[in-house]
Protein backbone atom coordinates (compact mmCIF):
# COMPACT_ATOMS: atom_id res chain seq x y z
CA MET A 1 0.00 0.00 0.00
CA ALA A 2 1.36 3.40 -0.94
CA ILE A 3 2.23 5.71 1.93
CA THR A 4 1.32 9.34 1.34
CA ARG A 5 1.50 12.48 3.36
CA GLN A 6 -1.80 13.77 4.70
CA VAL A 7 -3.45 16.56 6.64
CA ILE A 8 -4.48 15.44 10.13
CA THR A 9 -7.51 17.34 11.41
CA THR A 10 -10.78 16.89 13.30
CA LEU A 11 -12.75 18.53 10.47
CA LYS A 12 -14.81 16.14 8.34
CA PRO A 13 -15.12 16.50 4.55
CA ASP A 14 -18.48 18.27 5.01
CA GLY A 15 -16.85 20.89 7.27
CA THR A 16 -18.30 19.67 10.59
CA ASP A 17 -16.08 18.94 13.59
CA ALA A 18 -15.68 15.33 14.76
CA MET A 19 -15.51 16.61 18.35
CA GLY A 20 -19.03 17.51 19.45
CA PRO A 21 -20.02 19.53 22.53
CA ASN A 22 -19.87 16.48 24.84
CA ILE A 23 -16.60 15.00 23.52
CA LEU A 24 -13.57 15.46 25.76
CA ALA A 25 -11.03 13.57 23.65
CA TYR A 26 -10.96 12.12 20.15
CA LYS A 27 -8.50 9.61 18.70
CA TYR A 28 -7.76 10.27 15.02
CA PRO A 29 -8.94 7.06 13.32
CA ASP A 30 -6.02 6.66 10.87
CA GLU A 31 -2.79 5.45 12.48
CA ASN A 32 -0.88 5.32 9.17
CA ILE A 33 0.47 8.82 9.69
CA VAL A 34 3.89 9.35 8.14
CA SER A 35 6.67 11.86 8.58
CA GLY A 36 5.90 14.99 6.62
CA SER A 37 2.16 14.91 7.34
CA LEU A 38 0.62 18.19 8.49
CA LEU A 39 -0.98 18.21 11.94
CA THR A 40 -3.74 20.83 12.27
CA VAL A 41 -4.92 21.88 15.74
CA GLU A 42 -8.02 24.10 15.98
CA SER A 43 -8.28 27.04 18.39
CA ASN A 44 -10.34 25.06 20.92
CA HIS A 45 -8.20 21.92 20.87
CA PHE A 46 -4.93 20.43 22.04
CA ALA A 47 -3.27 17.54 20.20
CA VAL A 48 -1.13 14.76 21.64
CA LEU A 49 1.15 12.85 19.26
CA LYS A 50 2.21 9.32 20.21
CA SER A 51 4.41 6.72 18.55
CA ARG A 52 4.55 3.07 19.65
CA GLY A 53 2.82 4.02 22.91
CA ALA A 54 5.21 6.84 23.82
CA VAL A 55 4.12 10.49 23.88
CA LEU A 56 6.24 12.53 21.47
CA ASN A 57 4.72 15.98 21.89
CA VAL A 58 1.69 18.00 22.96
CA TYR A 59 0.59 20.72 20.53
CA ASP A 60 -1.28 23.98 21.00
CA THR A 61 -3.32 25.75 18.31
CA GLY A 62 -1.63 25.84 14.90
CA GLN A 63 -0.29 23.66 12.06
CA TYR A 64 2.76 21.46 12.55
CA PRO A 65 4.70 19.20 10.15
CA ILE A 66 5.41 15.79 11.65
CA THR A 67 9.04 14.68 11.44
CA THR A 68 10.41 11.24 12.25
CA PRO A 69 12.53 10.72 15.38
CA ASP A 70 14.50 7.90 13.67
CA LYS A 71 18.30 7.61 13.77
CA PRO A 72 19.96 9.65 10.98
CA LEU A 73 21.25 6.69 8.89
CA LEU A 74 18.12 4.60 9.13
CA GLY A 75 15.99 7.70 8.66
CA SER A 76 17.76 8.69 5.44
CA ILE A 77 17.42 5.20 3.99
CA THR A 78 13.72 4.83 4.78
CA GLN A 79 12.88 8.35 3.67
CA ALA A 80 14.69 7.81 0.37
CA PHE A 81 12.86 4.50 -0.17
CA PHE A 82 9.46 6.07 0.58
CA SER A 83 10.13 9.28 -1.37
CA GLY A 84 10.86 11.36 1.71
CA ALA A 85 8.13 9.89 3.93
CA SER A 86 8.95 7.71 6.94
CA PRO A 87 6.71 4.61 7.27
CA TRP A 88 6.60 4.62 11.09
CA GLN A 89 3.10 4.85 12.49
CA TYR A 90 1.87 7.64 14.74
CA GLU A 91 -1.24 8.09 16.89
CA THR A 92 -2.91 11.50 17.23
CA ILE A 93 -5.31 12.34 20.07
CA TYR A 94 -7.23 15.60 20.09
CA ILE A 95 -8.30 17.14 23.41
CA ASN A 96 -11.26 19.53 23.67
CA ARG A 97 -10.42 22.79 25.46
CA ALA A 98 -14.02 24.06 25.47
CA LYS A 99 -16.20 23.91 28.57
CA ILE A 100 -18.28 20.71 28.72
CA VAL A 101 -21.33 19.89 30.84
CA ALA A 102 -21.44 16.49 32.56
CA ARG A 103 -24.35 15.11 34.58
CA ALA A 104 -24.47 12.60 37.43
CA LYS A 105 -27.64 11.12 38.95
CA GLY A 106 -28.24 8.84 41.89
CA ILE A 107 -30.14 7.97 45.06
CA ALA A 108 -29.36 9.29 48.53
CA THR A 109 -31.11 8.56 51.84
CA SER A 110 -32.12 11.04 54.52
CA ARG A 111 -31.75 10.59 58.27
CA GLU A 112 -35.15 8.81 58.31
CA MET A 113 -33.90 6.52 55.48
CA ALA A 114 -36.26 8.18 52.99
CA GLU A 115 -34.98 7.95 49.42
CA LEU A 116 -34.07 11.12 47.56
CA ILE A 117 -33.02 11.67 43.95
CA TYR A 118 -30.03 13.91 43.31
CA GLN A 119 -28.89 15.40 40.01
CA VAL A 120 -25.52 17.09 39.64
CA ASP A 121 -24.62 19.16 36.59
CA TYR A 122 -20.94 20.11 36.61
CA TYR A 123 -18.89 22.09 34.12
CA ILE A 124 -15.39 20.91 33.18
CA HIS A 125 -12.59 21.79 30.78
CA ILE A 126 -8.96 21.01 29.94
CA ASP A 127 -6.88 24.12 30.66
CA THR A 128 -3.24 23.44 29.72
CA LYS A 129 -1.05 21.10 27.67
CA ASP A 130 0.04 19.42 30.90
CA ASP A 131 -3.63 18.75 31.70
CA ALA A 132 -4.12 17.26 28.22
CA LEU A 133 -1.19 14.93 28.85
CA LYS A 134 -2.68 13.87 32.20
CA LEU A 135 -5.98 12.99 30.54
CA VAL A 136 -4.32 10.87 27.84
CA THR A 137 -2.11 9.18 30.43
CA HIS A 138 -4.72 8.33 33.08
CA MET A 139 -8.04 7.86 31.26
CA PRO A 140 -8.16 4.99 28.73
CA PHE A 141 -10.12 5.00 25.47
CA ALA A 142 -12.94 2.48 25.03
CA GLY A 143 -13.20 3.50 21.36
CA LEU A 144 -12.39 6.63 19.41
CA TYR A 145 -13.88 9.01 22.00
CA ILE A 146 -13.85 9.95 25.67
CA ASN A 147 -17.16 11.68 26.28
CA ALA A 148 -18.78 13.42 29.25
CA GLN A 149 -20.65 10.26 30.26
CA GLU A 150 -17.39 8.32 30.65
CA VAL A 151 -16.08 11.06 32.93
CA THR A 152 -19.29 10.74 34.99
CA ASP A 153 -18.79 6.96 35.21
CA TYR A 154 -15.40 7.59 36.83
CA ALA A 155 -16.62 10.40 39.10
CA GLY A 156 -19.97 8.84 40.09
CA PRO A 157 -18.82 7.24 43.38
CA VAL A 158 -17.20 10.53 44.48
CA VAL A 159 -20.43 12.44 43.80
CA GLU A 160 -22.52 9.86 45.67
CA GLN A 161 -20.23 9.91 48.71
CA ALA A 162 -20.16 13.72 48.91
CA VAL A 163 -23.95 14.03 48.67
CA ASN A 164 -24.67 11.30 51.22
CA GLN A 165 -22.13 12.68 53.68
CA VAL A 166 -24.55 15.50 54.51
CA VAL A 167 -27.93 14.10 53.44
CA GLN A 168 -27.70 10.97 55.62
CA VAL A 169 -27.53 13.04 58.82
CA THR A 170 -30.20 15.57 57.79
CA PRO A 171 -33.99 15.29 58.30
CA LEU A 172 -35.86 14.92 55.03
CA GLU A 173 -37.72 18.23 55.16
CA ASN A 174 -34.49 20.12 55.99
CA VAL A 175 -32.35 18.76 53.16
CA ASN A 176 -32.89 21.74 50.86
CA GLU A 177 -31.66 24.08 53.61
CA HIS A 178 -28.26 22.41 53.26
CA ILE A 179 -28.03 22.50 49.45
CA GLY A 180 -25.28 25.16 49.56
CA GLU A 181 -23.23 23.14 52.06
CA ILE A 182 -23.58 19.95 50.00
CA ALA A 183 -22.66 21.76 46.77
CA GLU A 184 -19.47 23.20 48.31
CA LEU A 185 -18.45 19.81 49.71
CA LEU A 186 -19.19 18.19 46.36
CA LYS A 187 -17.17 20.81 44.49
CA GLN A 188 -14.16 20.23 46.74
CA HIS A 189 -14.20 16.41 46.52
CA LEU A 190 -15.05 16.27 42.82
CA GLY A 191 -12.46 18.91 41.93
CA ASP A 192 -9.68 17.01 43.73
CA PHE A 193 -10.67 13.76 42.01
CA LEU A 194 -10.90 15.19 38.48
CA ASP A 195 -7.56 16.96 38.87
CA ILE A 196 -5.87 13.55 38.70
CA TYR A 197 -7.11 13.29 35.10
CA GLY A 198 -6.13 16.87 34.23
CA ILE A 199 -9.79 17.96 34.24
CA ARG A 200 -10.60 21.37 35.75
CA LEU A 201 -13.94 21.75 37.56
CA ASN A 202 -15.58 25.13 36.96
CA ASP A 203 -18.96 24.98 38.68
CA VAL A 204 -21.50 22.62 40.20
CA LYS A 205 -25.31 22.76 40.08
CA LEU A 206 -27.12 20.47 42.51
CA LEU A 207 -30.77 19.41 42.73
CA ILE A 208 -32.16 17.07 45.43
CA LEU A 209 -35.79 16.00 45.74
CA PRO A 210 -37.72 13.10 47.32
CA LYS A 211 -37.99 10.04 45.12
CA ASP A 212 -41.64 9.45 46.09
CA GLU A 213 -44.00 11.90 44.36
CA ARG A 214 -46.44 11.95 47.29
CA MET A 215 -43.64 12.83 49.66
CA ARG A 216 -42.62 15.73 47.40
CA GLU A 217 -46.17 17.11 47.46
CA LEU A 218 -46.48 16.74 51.23
CA ILE A 219 -43.21 18.58 51.79
CA SER A 220 -44.40 21.31 49.42
CA LEU A 221 -47.56 21.70 51.48
CA ARG A 222 -45.51 21.84 54.67
CA ALA A 223 -43.54 24.71 53.11
CA PHE A 224 -46.76 26.78 53.28
CA GLY A 225 -46.64 26.55 57.05
CA LEU A 226 -49.11 23.66 57.45
CA THR A 227 -48.75 21.17 60.28
CA PRO A 228 -48.10 17.52 59.34
CA LEU A 229 -51.79 16.68 59.92
CA GLU A 230 -52.98 19.66 57.88
CA ALA A 231 -50.59 18.76 55.05
CA VAL A 232 -52.01 15.22 54.94
CA ARG A 233 -55.58 16.58 54.92
CA TYR A 234 -54.85 19.02 52.08
CA TYR A 235 -53.04 16.34 50.09
CA THR A 236 -56.00 13.98 50.51
CA ALA A 237 -58.41 16.78 49.57
CA LEU A 238 -56.48 17.44 46.36
CA ARG A 239 -56.65 13.78 45.39
CA MET A 240 -60.39 13.72 46.19
CA ALA A 241 -60.96 16.85 44.09
CA GLU A 242 -59.20 15.22 41.14
CA ARG A 243 -61.80 12.44 41.34
CA GLY A 244 -64.67 14.88 41.50
CA LEU A 245 -65.67 14.20 45.13
CA VAL A 246 -67.69 17.13 46.49
CA SER A 247 -66.48 16.46 50.03
CA ALA A 248 -62.92 17.50 49.14
CA PRO A 249 -63.19 21.00 50.73
CA ASN A 250 -64.49 19.45 53.95
CA MET A 251 -61.49 17.14 54.07
CA ALA A 252 -59.17 20.12 53.61
CA ILE A 253 -60.56 22.03 56.59
CA GLY A 254 -61.42 18.99 58.70
CA ALA A 255 -65.16 19.77 58.76
CA PRO A 256 -68.04 17.22 58.60
CA PHE A 257 -69.93 16.67 55.34
CA ASN A 258 -73.76 16.49 55.52
CA ILE A 259 -75.96 14.43 53.21
CA GLY A 260 -79.71 14.92 53.79
CA GLY A 261 -79.17 16.10 57.35
CA MET A 262 -76.88 13.20 58.22
CA GLY A 263 -73.53 14.27 59.62
CA MET A 264 -70.41 12.64 58.21
CA VAL A 265 -67.43 12.06 60.45
CA PRO A 266 -64.81 14.81 60.05
CA ALA A 267 -61.20 13.92 59.37
CA GLY A 268 -59.29 13.04 62.53
CA GLU A 269 -62.43 12.23 64.58
CA TRP A 270 -63.30 8.73 63.32
CA ASP A 271 -63.39 7.33 66.87
CA LYS A 272 -65.98 9.83 68.10
CA PRO A 273 -69.81 9.49 67.78
CA VAL A 274 -71.53 11.49 65.06
CA LYS A 275 -73.62 14.38 66.40
């Protein structure tokens, strides 16, 4: 097979970029890169050049001709045989410098062992050439890409531990009062972990809510200043109203409901005689 020089770039023939908004790293699919090929690095990328598993260089924005690191004698022979192009294979990995959004989800438990759903959106980026080298060194490729979801797979246990560290000792209805504390703890732990991979953490957005829908509605009613009993009555009244029951307002205020002069038992007084 003839070996020809080529332009190495992330741009596809139709002009679109192979690195989408959720792609952290991209391995150029053609390893038959020869000396004399032109490496193109876009303004929002880094590029890492490897040969036989060893990192040769990390490139910033620009265009760079690739030259062989062979010994002079051997290099002159091979380059003459291949018309100036060395046949040794290279591997090019592009690193995205743009800010990327990753998302982690999971289940935490409150002090009462009630289940809560948490969702963490965190913003990450690769800042320097040294960071790009860390990413290539410590995070393996499962294919041609390392995407935001793969980063989340690595960071998931750290996120879960940081969230549960506060949530597990906090009453269910008070969890949202500690959102700021949890977010700061999460940012510290997650930032330290991602730094190993050369990934910079910019910001963290955290959402925690009860897993059970009824529990979410009851806590919302409690937020209006209702007592636990009143919250249950109003919740029940809302469900009754959805079914068209005319006694729903009576349930809400705990008043009896009369049908033809007969008194119905008000909520909370089932063990007392009807007057």
